[in-house]
Amino acid sequence: MACSSTKYANMTIKDLKDELKKRNARLSGRKKELVERLIAYDRNQNFGQTEDLEPEYKMTLPDPLSYFDVNADSTFSGTTLEKLTSYLAKFDKQLDNKVKRLYNERTIRYFKISYDNDLTYVASSCYAEYRKGISYEIDLLLDKNGSIVEAQCECPAGEGPSAHCKHVCAVIYASIMFRVQKHKG
């Protein structure tokens, strides 16, 4: 720190301002303030700079108006416990009681589907586990056999295309339970 402090202290105000201009920083102030500002920039190397971040993953979804609510009269075939188990196995994860509890505590706010050829899109929302005022949007893509092709969730752990957070799992589990209830009736 003393090294950059000495380096800047020996510079002229014009040189200090030139250095600050390279960093798109404010140029106003006394010499002491200019030196402090440059030291702060050195300490926080990325301060004031933009990073080249990869864009967030977003599933390609059908028109929102093509979705309809799933209810007792729906022909939605859902998926199976075996398909969910297979999907989670890819991530060394298993269906746990937390997911079942999320489903049983009715944290799923809505459940809508849209069809596109042999694909089924599921749009859903699930409350956060401990903060009921917060909910996350979940999207699933199932193939004609009910296998999970893609999944995404708005929660920090749910980035697609292979999201497997507890919210995604709760929505997939809801799909399984719909199928079970439909076959019982």
N, C-alpha and C. Protein backbone atom coordinates (compact mmCIF):
# COMPACT_ATOMS: atom_id res chain seq x y z
N MET A 1 0.83 -1.19 0.00
CA MET A 1 0.00 0.00 0.00
C MET A 1 0.87 1.25 0.00
N ALA A 2 1.92 1.23 0.81
CA ALA A 2 2.82 2.38 0.88
C ALA A 2 3.49 2.61 -0.47
N CYS A 3 3.74 1.53 -1.19
CA CYS A 3 4.39 1.62 -2.49
C CYS A 3 3.55 2.44 -3.46
N SER A 4 2.24 2.14 -3.58
CA SER A 4 1.40 2.89 -4.51
C SER A 4 1.14 4.30 -3.97
N SER A 5 1.11 4.45 -2.63
CA SER A 5 0.93 5.76 -2.03
C SER A 5 2.09 6.67 -2.40
N THR A 6 3.32 6.15 -2.30
CA THR A 6 4.52 6.91 -2.66
C THR A 6 4.53 7.21 -4.15
N LYS A 7 4.16 6.21 -4.93
CA LYS A 7 4.12 6.37 -6.39
C LYS A 7 3.21 7.52 -6.78
N TYR A 8 2.02 7.57 -6.20
CA TYR A 8 1.06 8.61 -6.56
C TYR A 8 1.41 9.95 -5.92
N ALA A 9 1.99 9.93 -4.74
CA ALA A 9 2.34 11.19 -4.05
C ALA A 9 3.37 11.98 -4.84
N ASN A 10 4.20 11.29 -5.59
CA ASN A 10 5.24 11.96 -6.37
C ASN A 10 4.76 12.41 -7.75
N MET A 11 3.50 12.12 -8.09
CA MET A 11 2.96 12.52 -9.40
C MET A 11 2.38 13.92 -9.34
N THR A 12 2.35 14.57 -10.49
CA THR A 12 1.73 15.90 -10.56
C THR A 12 0.21 15.73 -10.61
N ILE A 13 -0.50 16.83 -10.34
CA ILE A 13 -1.97 16.77 -10.38
C ILE A 13 -2.44 16.38 -11.78
N LYS A 14 -1.79 16.90 -12.81
CA LYS A 14 -2.16 16.55 -14.19
C LYS A 14 -1.99 15.06 -14.41
N ASP A 15 -0.88 14.47 -13.94
CA ASP A 15 -0.64 13.04 -14.11
C ASP A 15 -1.65 12.21 -13.32
N LEU A 16 -1.99 12.69 -12.11
CA LEU A 16 -2.98 11.99 -11.30
C LEU A 16 -4.34 11.98 -12.02
N LYS A 17 -4.71 13.14 -12.57
CA LYS A 17 -5.98 13.23 -13.28
C LYS A 17 -5.98 12.37 -14.54
N ASP A 18 -4.85 12.31 -15.22
CA ASP A 18 -4.75 11.44 -16.40
C ASP A 18 -4.96 9.98 -16.01
N GLU A 19 -4.37 9.61 -14.88
CA GLU A 19 -4.50 8.23 -14.39
C GLU A 19 -5.95 7.93 -14.00
N LEU A 20 -6.60 8.89 -13.35
CA LEU A 20 -8.01 8.72 -12.97
C LEU A 20 -8.92 8.68 -14.20
N LYS A 21 -8.57 9.45 -15.21
CA LYS A 21 -9.37 9.49 -16.43
C LYS A 21 -9.37 8.11 -17.10
N LYS A 22 -8.24 7.41 -17.06
CA LYS A 22 -8.15 6.06 -17.63
C LYS A 22 -9.13 5.10 -16.95
N ARG A 23 -9.46 5.42 -15.70
CA ARG A 23 -10.33 4.54 -14.91
C ARG A 23 -11.77 5.06 -14.84
N ASN A 24 -12.05 6.08 -15.64
CA ASN A 24 -13.38 6.70 -15.65
C ASN A 24 -13.80 7.16 -14.27
N ALA A 25 -12.87 7.69 -13.53
CA ALA A 25 -13.12 8.16 -12.16
C ALA A 25 -13.31 9.67 -12.15
N ARG A 26 -13.87 10.15 -11.03
CA ARG A 26 -14.00 11.60 -10.84
C ARG A 26 -12.62 12.24 -10.83
N LEU A 27 -12.55 13.43 -11.41
CA LEU A 27 -11.27 14.13 -11.52
C LEU A 27 -11.16 15.30 -10.55
N SER A 28 -12.23 15.59 -9.84
CA SER A 28 -12.22 16.76 -8.95
C SER A 28 -11.60 16.42 -7.60
N GLY A 29 -11.15 17.44 -6.93
CA GLY A 29 -10.59 17.28 -5.59
C GLY A 29 -9.16 17.76 -5.51
N ARG A 30 -8.67 17.81 -4.29
CA ARG A 30 -7.29 18.19 -4.06
C ARG A 30 -6.38 17.02 -4.32
N LYS A 31 -5.08 17.29 -4.36
CA LYS A 31 -4.11 16.25 -4.68
C LYS A 31 -4.25 15.06 -3.73
N LYS A 32 -4.41 15.34 -2.44
CA LYS A 32 -4.55 14.26 -1.46
C LYS A 32 -5.75 13.36 -1.79
N GLU A 33 -6.87 13.96 -2.19
CA GLU A 33 -8.07 13.20 -2.54
C GLU A 33 -7.86 12.37 -3.81
N LEU A 34 -7.15 12.96 -4.78
CA LEU A 34 -6.87 12.24 -6.03
C LEU A 34 -6.00 11.02 -5.74
N VAL A 35 -4.99 11.20 -4.89
CA VAL A 35 -4.10 10.10 -4.51
C VAL A 35 -4.90 9.02 -3.80
N GLU A 36 -5.75 9.41 -2.83
CA GLU A 36 -6.57 8.44 -2.10
C GLU A 36 -7.50 7.67 -3.04
N ARG A 37 -8.07 8.37 -4.01
CA ARG A 37 -8.97 7.74 -4.98
C ARG A 37 -8.22 6.69 -5.80
N LEU A 38 -7.02 7.02 -6.25
CA LEU A 38 -6.22 6.06 -7.03
C LEU A 38 -5.81 4.86 -6.19
N ILE A 39 -5.46 5.09 -4.94
CA ILE A 39 -5.11 3.98 -4.04
C ILE A 39 -6.32 3.06 -3.86
N ALA A 40 -7.51 3.68 -3.71
CA ALA A 40 -8.73 2.88 -3.57
C ALA A 40 -8.98 2.05 -4.83
N TYR A 41 -8.73 2.63 -6.00
CA TYR A 41 -8.89 1.88 -7.24
C TYR A 41 -7.90 0.72 -7.31
N ASP A 42 -6.69 0.95 -6.87
CA ASP A 42 -5.69 -0.11 -6.87
C ASP A 42 -6.09 -1.23 -5.91
N ARG A 43 -6.60 -0.83 -4.76
CA ARG A 43 -7.01 -1.82 -3.74
C ARG A 43 -8.19 -2.66 -4.26
N ASN A 44 -9.09 -2.04 -4.99
CA ASN A 44 -10.27 -2.71 -5.56
C ASN A 44 -10.10 -2.75 -7.07
N GLN A 45 -9.26 -3.63 -7.52
CA GLN A 45 -8.83 -3.64 -8.92
C GLN A 45 -9.97 -3.58 -9.92
N ASN A 46 -11.13 -4.16 -9.62
CA ASN A 46 -12.21 -4.15 -10.59
C ASN A 46 -13.20 -3.01 -10.34
N PHE A 47 -12.90 -2.12 -9.40
CA PHE A 47 -13.80 -1.03 -9.05
C PHE A 47 -14.02 -0.14 -10.27
N GLY A 48 -15.29 0.06 -10.61
CA GLY A 48 -15.61 0.94 -11.73
C GLY A 48 -15.46 0.30 -13.09
N GLN A 49 -15.07 -0.96 -13.13
CA GLN A 49 -14.93 -1.64 -14.42
C GLN A 49 -16.06 -2.64 -14.56
N THR A 50 -16.45 -2.92 -15.79
CA THR A 50 -17.48 -3.92 -16.02
C THR A 50 -16.82 -5.23 -16.36
N GLU A 51 -17.39 -6.29 -15.84
CA GLU A 51 -16.88 -7.62 -16.14
C GLU A 51 -17.64 -8.18 -17.33
N ASP A 52 -16.99 -8.99 -18.12
CA ASP A 52 -17.67 -9.70 -19.19
C ASP A 52 -18.23 -10.99 -18.60
N LEU A 53 -19.51 -10.96 -18.23
CA LEU A 53 -20.15 -12.12 -17.64
C LEU A 53 -20.91 -12.88 -18.71
N GLU A 54 -20.95 -14.19 -18.54
CA GLU A 54 -21.75 -14.98 -19.45
C GLU A 54 -23.21 -14.69 -19.15
N PRO A 55 -24.05 -14.65 -20.19
CA PRO A 55 -25.47 -14.39 -19.93
C PRO A 55 -26.09 -15.54 -19.14
N GLU A 56 -27.08 -15.21 -18.29
CA GLU A 56 -27.78 -16.23 -17.53
C GLU A 56 -28.51 -17.15 -18.49
N TYR A 57 -28.61 -18.41 -18.10
CA TYR A 57 -29.33 -19.37 -18.92
C TYR A 57 -30.83 -19.10 -18.81
N LYS A 58 -31.51 -19.11 -19.91
CA LYS A 58 -32.96 -18.97 -19.95
C LYS A 58 -33.52 -19.98 -20.94
N MET A 59 -34.47 -20.77 -20.47
CA MET A 59 -35.12 -21.73 -21.35
C MET A 59 -35.91 -20.99 -22.42
N THR A 60 -36.02 -21.60 -23.58
CA THR A 60 -36.89 -21.08 -24.62
C THR A 60 -38.29 -21.61 -24.31
N LEU A 61 -39.21 -20.71 -24.07
CA LEU A 61 -40.55 -21.09 -23.62
C LEU A 61 -41.60 -20.69 -24.64
N PRO A 62 -42.72 -21.38 -24.63
CA PRO A 62 -43.81 -20.99 -25.55
C PRO A 62 -44.47 -19.70 -25.09
N ASP A 63 -45.36 -19.19 -25.91
CA ASP A 63 -46.12 -17.99 -25.61
C ASP A 63 -46.85 -18.17 -24.27
N PRO A 64 -46.73 -17.23 -23.35
CA PRO A 64 -47.40 -17.35 -22.05
C PRO A 64 -48.92 -17.57 -22.16
N LEU A 65 -49.52 -17.09 -23.23
CA LEU A 65 -50.97 -17.26 -23.40
C LEU A 65 -51.35 -18.69 -23.79
N SER A 66 -50.36 -19.51 -24.14
CA SER A 66 -50.66 -20.90 -24.52
C SER A 66 -50.77 -21.82 -23.30
N TYR A 67 -50.43 -21.34 -22.12
CA TYR A 67 -50.49 -22.16 -20.91
C TYR A 67 -51.92 -22.20 -20.37
N PHE A 68 -52.27 -23.31 -19.74
CA PHE A 68 -53.56 -23.42 -19.07
C PHE A 68 -53.37 -24.15 -17.75
N ASP A 69 -54.26 -23.86 -16.79
CA ASP A 69 -54.19 -24.46 -15.47
C ASP A 69 -54.44 -25.95 -15.53
N VAL A 70 -53.72 -26.69 -14.69
CA VAL A 70 -53.95 -28.13 -14.56
C VAL A 70 -55.04 -28.31 -13.51
N ASN A 71 -56.06 -29.08 -13.85
CA ASN A 71 -57.12 -29.38 -12.90
C ASN A 71 -57.59 -30.82 -13.12
N ALA A 72 -58.60 -31.24 -12.42
CA ALA A 72 -59.07 -32.63 -12.48
C ALA A 72 -59.47 -33.06 -13.88
N ASP A 73 -59.90 -32.12 -14.72
CA ASP A 73 -60.32 -32.46 -16.08
C ASP A 73 -59.16 -32.47 -17.08
N SER A 74 -57.97 -32.10 -16.66
CA SER A 74 -56.81 -32.01 -17.57
C SER A 74 -56.36 -33.39 -18.01
N THR A 75 -55.80 -33.44 -19.20
CA THR A 75 -55.25 -34.69 -19.73
C THR A 75 -53.75 -34.81 -19.47
N PHE A 76 -53.22 -33.92 -18.67
CA PHE A 76 -51.79 -33.89 -18.35
C PHE A 76 -51.36 -35.23 -17.76
N SER A 77 -50.37 -35.86 -18.38
CA SER A 77 -49.93 -37.19 -17.91
C SER A 77 -48.79 -37.11 -16.91
N GLY A 78 -48.18 -35.92 -16.76
CA GLY A 78 -47.13 -35.76 -15.75
C GLY A 78 -45.92 -36.63 -16.01
N THR A 79 -45.28 -37.03 -14.94
CA THR A 79 -44.11 -37.87 -15.02
C THR A 79 -44.21 -38.94 -13.94
N THR A 80 -43.15 -39.68 -13.77
CA THR A 80 -43.18 -40.78 -12.79
C THR A 80 -42.07 -40.61 -11.77
N LEU A 81 -42.21 -41.32 -10.69
CA LEU A 81 -41.18 -41.31 -9.65
C LEU A 81 -39.86 -41.83 -10.20
N GLU A 82 -39.93 -42.83 -11.08
CA GLU A 82 -38.72 -43.39 -11.69
C GLU A 82 -37.99 -42.34 -12.53
N LYS A 83 -38.76 -41.52 -13.26
CA LYS A 83 -38.15 -40.48 -14.11
C LYS A 83 -37.49 -39.41 -13.23
N LEU A 84 -38.15 -39.04 -12.13
CA LEU A 84 -37.56 -38.07 -11.22
C LEU A 84 -36.30 -38.64 -10.58
N THR A 85 -36.35 -39.88 -10.15
CA THR A 85 -35.20 -40.54 -9.53
C THR A 85 -34.03 -40.59 -10.52
N SER A 86 -34.32 -40.91 -11.76
CA SER A 86 -33.29 -40.96 -12.80
C SER A 86 -32.69 -39.57 -13.05
N TYR A 87 -33.53 -38.56 -13.10
CA TYR A 87 -33.07 -37.19 -13.31
C TYR A 87 -32.15 -36.76 -12.17
N LEU A 88 -32.57 -37.01 -10.94
CA LEU A 88 -31.77 -36.59 -9.77
C LEU A 88 -30.48 -37.39 -9.64
N ALA A 89 -30.48 -38.63 -10.09
CA ALA A 89 -29.28 -39.48 -9.99
C ALA A 89 -28.11 -38.87 -10.76
N LYS A 90 -28.38 -38.13 -11.81
CA LYS A 90 -27.32 -37.48 -12.59
C LYS A 90 -26.54 -36.47 -11.74
N PHE A 91 -27.16 -36.02 -10.65
CA PHE A 91 -26.54 -35.00 -9.80
C PHE A 91 -26.22 -35.57 -8.41
N ASP A 92 -26.21 -36.90 -8.30
CA ASP A 92 -25.98 -37.58 -7.02
C ASP A 92 -26.94 -37.06 -5.95
N LYS A 93 -28.18 -36.90 -6.34
CA LYS A 93 -29.20 -36.38 -5.43
C LYS A 93 -30.38 -37.35 -5.41
N GLN A 94 -31.10 -37.36 -4.30
CA GLN A 94 -32.28 -38.22 -4.17
C GLN A 94 -33.48 -37.39 -3.75
N LEU A 95 -34.65 -37.91 -4.04
CA LEU A 95 -35.88 -37.28 -3.57
C LEU A 95 -35.87 -37.38 -2.04
N ASP A 96 -36.00 -36.24 -1.38
CA ASP A 96 -35.94 -36.26 0.09
C ASP A 96 -37.25 -35.76 0.69
N ASN A 97 -37.33 -35.86 2.00
CA ASN A 97 -38.54 -35.44 2.71
C ASN A 97 -38.78 -33.94 2.61
N LYS A 98 -37.73 -33.16 2.42
CA LYS A 98 -37.89 -31.71 2.28
C LYS A 98 -38.76 -31.39 1.06
N VAL A 99 -38.52 -32.09 -0.03
CA VAL A 99 -39.31 -31.87 -1.26
C VAL A 99 -40.76 -32.29 -1.03
N LYS A 100 -40.95 -33.43 -0.42
CA LYS A 100 -42.31 -33.90 -0.14
C LYS A 100 -43.03 -32.94 0.80
N ARG A 101 -42.29 -32.41 1.79
CA ARG A 101 -42.88 -31.45 2.72
C ARG A 101 -43.29 -30.17 2.00
N LEU A 102 -42.43 -29.68 1.08
CA LEU A 102 -42.80 -28.49 0.30
C LEU A 102 -44.11 -28.74 -0.45
N TYR A 103 -44.24 -29.91 -1.03
CA TYR A 103 -45.47 -30.25 -1.75
C TYR A 103 -46.65 -30.35 -0.78
N ASN A 104 -46.48 -31.08 0.30
CA ASN A 104 -47.57 -31.31 1.25
C ASN A 104 -48.01 -30.03 1.97
N GLU A 105 -47.09 -29.09 2.13
CA GLU A 105 -47.44 -27.82 2.79
C GLU A 105 -48.03 -26.81 1.81
N ARG A 106 -48.31 -27.27 0.63
CA ARG A 106 -48.97 -26.45 -0.41
C ARG A 106 -48.20 -25.17 -0.74
N THR A 107 -46.90 -25.34 -0.92
CA THR A 107 -46.07 -24.19 -1.27
C THR A 107 -46.12 -23.88 -2.77
N ILE A 108 -46.71 -24.78 -3.53
CA ILE A 108 -46.82 -24.55 -4.97
C ILE A 108 -48.01 -23.62 -5.20
N ARG A 109 -47.73 -22.47 -5.78
CA ARG A 109 -48.75 -21.44 -5.95
C ARG A 109 -49.64 -21.71 -7.15
N TYR A 110 -49.06 -22.12 -8.25
CA TYR A 110 -49.86 -22.47 -9.43
C TYR A 110 -49.09 -23.48 -10.25
N PHE A 111 -49.80 -24.12 -11.16
CA PHE A 111 -49.22 -25.18 -11.98
C PHE A 111 -49.92 -25.12 -13.33
N LYS A 112 -49.21 -24.70 -14.36
CA LYS A 112 -49.80 -24.54 -15.70
C LYS A 112 -48.98 -25.34 -16.70
N ILE A 113 -49.64 -25.74 -17.77
CA ILE A 113 -48.94 -26.48 -18.81
C ILE A 113 -49.25 -25.92 -20.19
N SER A 114 -48.36 -26.20 -21.11
CA SER A 114 -48.52 -25.85 -22.51
C SER A 114 -47.93 -26.99 -23.33
N TYR A 115 -48.57 -27.31 -24.42
CA TYR A 115 -48.07 -28.37 -25.29
C TYR A 115 -47.50 -27.78 -26.57
N ASP A 116 -46.41 -28.38 -27.04
CA ASP A 116 -45.81 -28.01 -28.31
C ASP A 116 -45.30 -29.31 -28.94
N ASN A 117 -46.04 -29.82 -29.90
CA ASN A 117 -45.76 -31.12 -30.51
C ASN A 117 -45.75 -32.19 -29.43
N ASP A 118 -44.65 -32.91 -29.27
CA ASP A 118 -44.57 -33.97 -28.27
C ASP A 118 -43.97 -33.50 -26.95
N LEU A 119 -43.84 -32.20 -26.78
CA LEU A 119 -43.23 -31.64 -25.57
C LEU A 119 -44.29 -31.01 -24.68
N THR A 120 -44.07 -31.10 -23.39
CA THR A 120 -44.95 -30.47 -22.41
C THR A 120 -44.13 -29.48 -21.60
N TYR A 121 -44.58 -28.25 -21.58
CA TYR A 121 -43.94 -27.20 -20.78
C TYR A 121 -44.77 -27.01 -19.51
N VAL A 122 -44.10 -26.92 -18.41
CA VAL A 122 -44.75 -26.67 -17.13
C VAL A 122 -44.24 -25.34 -16.61
N ALA A 123 -45.17 -24.46 -16.25
CA ALA A 123 -44.83 -23.19 -15.60
C ALA A 123 -45.46 -23.25 -14.22
N SER A 124 -44.66 -22.97 -13.22
CA SER A 124 -45.14 -23.06 -11.85
C SER A 124 -44.46 -22.02 -10.99
N SER A 125 -44.93 -21.92 -9.77
CA SER A 125 -44.33 -21.03 -8.80
C SER A 125 -44.38 -21.73 -7.45
N CYS A 126 -43.31 -21.56 -6.68
CA CYS A 126 -43.21 -22.24 -5.39
C CYS A 126 -42.70 -21.24 -4.36
N TYR A 127 -43.35 -21.21 -3.19
CA TYR A 127 -42.87 -20.36 -2.12
C TYR A 127 -41.51 -20.85 -1.62
N ALA A 128 -40.70 -19.91 -1.18
CA ALA A 128 -39.43 -20.27 -0.54
C ALA A 128 -39.75 -21.04 0.74
N GLU A 129 -38.84 -21.89 1.14
CA GLU A 129 -39.12 -22.79 2.26
C GLU A 129 -39.42 -22.07 3.56
N TYR A 130 -38.62 -21.11 3.93
CA TYR A 130 -38.79 -20.46 5.23
C TYR A 130 -39.34 -19.05 5.14
N ARG A 131 -39.47 -18.53 3.94
CA ARG A 131 -39.93 -17.15 3.77
C ARG A 131 -41.12 -17.17 2.83
N LYS A 132 -42.30 -17.34 3.38
CA LYS A 132 -43.51 -17.52 2.58
C LYS A 132 -43.85 -16.31 1.71
N GLY A 133 -43.31 -15.16 2.00
CA GLY A 133 -43.57 -13.99 1.18
C GLY A 133 -42.78 -13.99 -0.12
N ILE A 134 -41.83 -14.89 -0.25
CA ILE A 134 -40.99 -14.96 -1.44
C ILE A 134 -41.34 -16.22 -2.21
N SER A 135 -41.48 -16.08 -3.51
CA SER A 135 -41.73 -17.26 -4.33
C SER A 135 -40.82 -17.22 -5.56
N TYR A 136 -40.61 -18.39 -6.13
CA TYR A 136 -39.73 -18.52 -7.28
C TYR A 136 -40.52 -19.12 -8.45
N GLU A 137 -40.22 -18.61 -9.64
CA GLU A 137 -40.83 -19.14 -10.85
C GLU A 137 -40.01 -20.34 -11.32
N ILE A 138 -40.70 -21.41 -11.69
CA ILE A 138 -40.06 -22.65 -12.13
C ILE A 138 -40.60 -23.01 -13.51
N ASP A 139 -39.72 -23.44 -14.39
CA ASP A 139 -40.11 -23.93 -15.71
C ASP A 139 -39.52 -25.32 -15.90
N LEU A 140 -40.35 -26.21 -16.44
CA LEU A 140 -39.91 -27.56 -16.77
C LEU A 140 -40.24 -27.85 -18.22
N LEU A 141 -39.47 -28.73 -18.81
CA LEU A 141 -39.77 -29.24 -20.13
C LEU A 141 -39.73 -30.76 -20.04
N LEU A 142 -40.85 -31.39 -20.37
CA LEU A 142 -40.95 -32.85 -20.35
C LEU A 142 -41.12 -33.35 -21.77
N ASP A 143 -40.50 -34.49 -22.09
CA ASP A 143 -40.71 -35.08 -23.40
C ASP A 143 -41.99 -35.90 -23.39
N LYS A 144 -42.31 -36.53 -24.51
CA LYS A 144 -43.59 -37.26 -24.62
C LYS A 144 -43.67 -38.44 -23.65
N ASN A 145 -42.54 -38.92 -23.16
CA ASN A 145 -42.53 -40.03 -22.21
C ASN A 145 -42.52 -39.57 -20.75
N GLY A 146 -42.53 -38.26 -20.53
CA GLY A 146 -42.52 -37.73 -19.17
C GLY A 146 -41.13 -37.55 -18.59
N SER A 147 -40.09 -37.73 -19.39
CA SER A 147 -38.71 -37.50 -18.92
C SER A 147 -38.44 -36.01 -18.84
N ILE A 148 -37.66 -35.61 -17.86
CA ILE A 148 -37.33 -34.20 -17.67
C ILE A 148 -36.19 -33.85 -18.62
N VAL A 149 -36.48 -32.93 -19.55
CA VAL A 149 -35.50 -32.52 -20.55
C VAL A 149 -34.73 -31.30 -20.06
N GLU A 150 -35.45 -30.32 -19.53
CA GLU A 150 -34.85 -29.09 -19.03
C GLU A 150 -35.62 -28.63 -17.80
N ALA A 151 -34.94 -27.88 -16.94
CA ALA A 151 -35.57 -27.30 -15.77
C ALA A 151 -34.81 -26.06 -15.36
N GLN A 152 -35.55 -25.06 -14.88
CA GLN A 152 -34.92 -23.86 -14.35
C GLN A 152 -35.78 -23.29 -13.24
N CYS A 153 -35.15 -22.57 -12.32
CA CYS A 153 -35.83 -21.93 -11.20
C CYS A 153 -35.16 -20.59 -10.95
N GLU A 154 -35.91 -19.64 -10.45
CA GLU A 154 -35.35 -18.32 -10.16
C GLU A 154 -34.49 -18.28 -8.91
N CYS A 155 -34.55 -19.32 -8.08
CA CYS A 155 -33.77 -19.29 -6.85
C CYS A 155 -32.27 -19.32 -7.18
N PRO A 156 -31.42 -18.95 -6.23
CA PRO A 156 -29.98 -18.92 -6.50
C PRO A 156 -29.39 -20.26 -6.95
N ALA A 157 -30.00 -21.36 -6.54
CA ALA A 157 -29.46 -22.68 -6.90
C ALA A 157 -30.11 -23.27 -8.15
N GLY A 158 -31.07 -22.57 -8.73
CA GLY A 158 -31.89 -23.18 -9.77
C GLY A 158 -31.59 -22.83 -11.20
N GLU A 159 -30.34 -22.44 -11.51
CA GLU A 159 -30.05 -22.09 -12.89
C GLU A 159 -30.14 -23.33 -13.78
N GLY A 160 -30.74 -23.18 -14.95
CA GLY A 160 -30.93 -24.27 -15.90
C GLY A 160 -29.67 -24.51 -16.70
N PRO A 161 -29.71 -25.42 -17.59
CA PRO A 161 -30.85 -26.19 -18.07
C PRO A 161 -31.13 -27.44 -17.23
N SER A 162 -30.33 -27.69 -16.24
CA SER A 162 -30.48 -28.92 -15.44
C SER A 162 -30.72 -28.59 -13.97
N ALA A 163 -31.59 -27.63 -13.71
CA ALA A 163 -31.85 -27.25 -12.32
C ALA A 163 -32.41 -28.44 -11.56
N HIS A 164 -31.97 -28.58 -10.33
CA HIS A 164 -32.46 -29.67 -9.48
C HIS A 164 -32.59 -29.20 -8.04
N CYS A 165 -32.91 -27.93 -7.87
CA CYS A 165 -33.12 -27.37 -6.53
C CYS A 165 -34.41 -27.95 -5.94
N LYS A 166 -34.64 -27.69 -4.67
CA LYS A 166 -35.82 -28.26 -4.01
C LYS A 166 -37.12 -27.74 -4.61
N HIS A 167 -37.12 -26.53 -5.17
CA HIS A 167 -38.35 -25.99 -5.77
C HIS A 167 -38.68 -26.73 -7.06
N VAL A 168 -37.68 -26.97 -7.89
CA VAL A 168 -37.88 -27.75 -9.11
C VAL A 168 -38.36 -29.14 -8.75
N CYS A 169 -37.72 -29.75 -7.77
CA CYS A 169 -38.11 -31.11 -7.35
C CYS A 169 -39.53 -31.14 -6.82
N ALA A 170 -39.95 -30.10 -6.09
CA ALA A 170 -41.32 -30.05 -5.58
C ALA A 170 -42.32 -29.96 -6.71
N VAL A 171 -42.00 -29.21 -7.75
CA VAL A 171 -42.91 -29.10 -8.90
C VAL A 171 -42.95 -30.42 -9.67
N ILE A 172 -41.81 -31.05 -9.84
CA ILE A 172 -41.80 -32.37 -10.51
C ILE A 172 -42.59 -33.37 -9.66
N TYR A 173 -42.41 -33.31 -8.36
CA TYR A 173 -43.16 -34.19 -7.45
C TYR A 173 -44.67 -33.93 -7.56
N ALA A 174 -45.05 -32.67 -7.70
CA ALA A 174 -46.46 -32.32 -7.89
C ALA A 174 -46.99 -32.96 -9.18
N SER A 175 -46.16 -32.98 -10.20
CA SER A 175 -46.53 -33.63 -11.46
C SER A 175 -46.78 -35.12 -11.25
N ILE A 176 -45.93 -35.73 -10.45
CA ILE A 176 -46.08 -37.16 -10.15
C ILE A 176 -47.38 -37.39 -9.36
N MET A 177 -47.61 -36.55 -8.37
CA MET A 177 -48.79 -36.70 -7.54
C MET A 177 -50.07 -36.47 -8.33
N PHE A 178 -50.05 -35.56 -9.30
CA PHE A 178 -51.21 -35.36 -10.16
C PHE A 178 -51.52 -36.64 -10.93
N ARG A 179 -50.47 -37.24 -11.45
CA ARG A 179 -50.63 -38.49 -12.20
C ARG A 179 -51.20 -39.59 -11.30
N VAL A 180 -50.67 -39.70 -10.09
CA VAL A 180 -51.14 -40.72 -9.13
C VAL A 180 -52.62 -40.49 -8.80
N GLN A 181 -52.97 -39.24 -8.49
CA GLN A 181 -54.36 -38.93 -8.14
C GLN A 181 -55.30 -39.17 -9.32
N LYS A 182 -54.84 -38.85 -10.51
CA LYS A 182 -55.64 -39.02 -11.73
C LYS A 182 -55.95 -40.49 -11.95
N HIS A 183 -54.95 -41.36 -11.71
CA HIS A 183 -55.15 -42.80 -11.93
C HIS A 183 -55.99 -43.43 -10.82
N LYS A 184 -56.01 -42.82 -9.64
CA LYS A 184 -56.84 -43.34 -8.55
C LYS A 184 -58.31 -43.06 -8.84
N GLY A 185 -58.56 -41.88 -9.47
CA GLY A 185 -59.94 -41.43 -9.70
C GLY A 185 -60.54 -42.09 -10.87
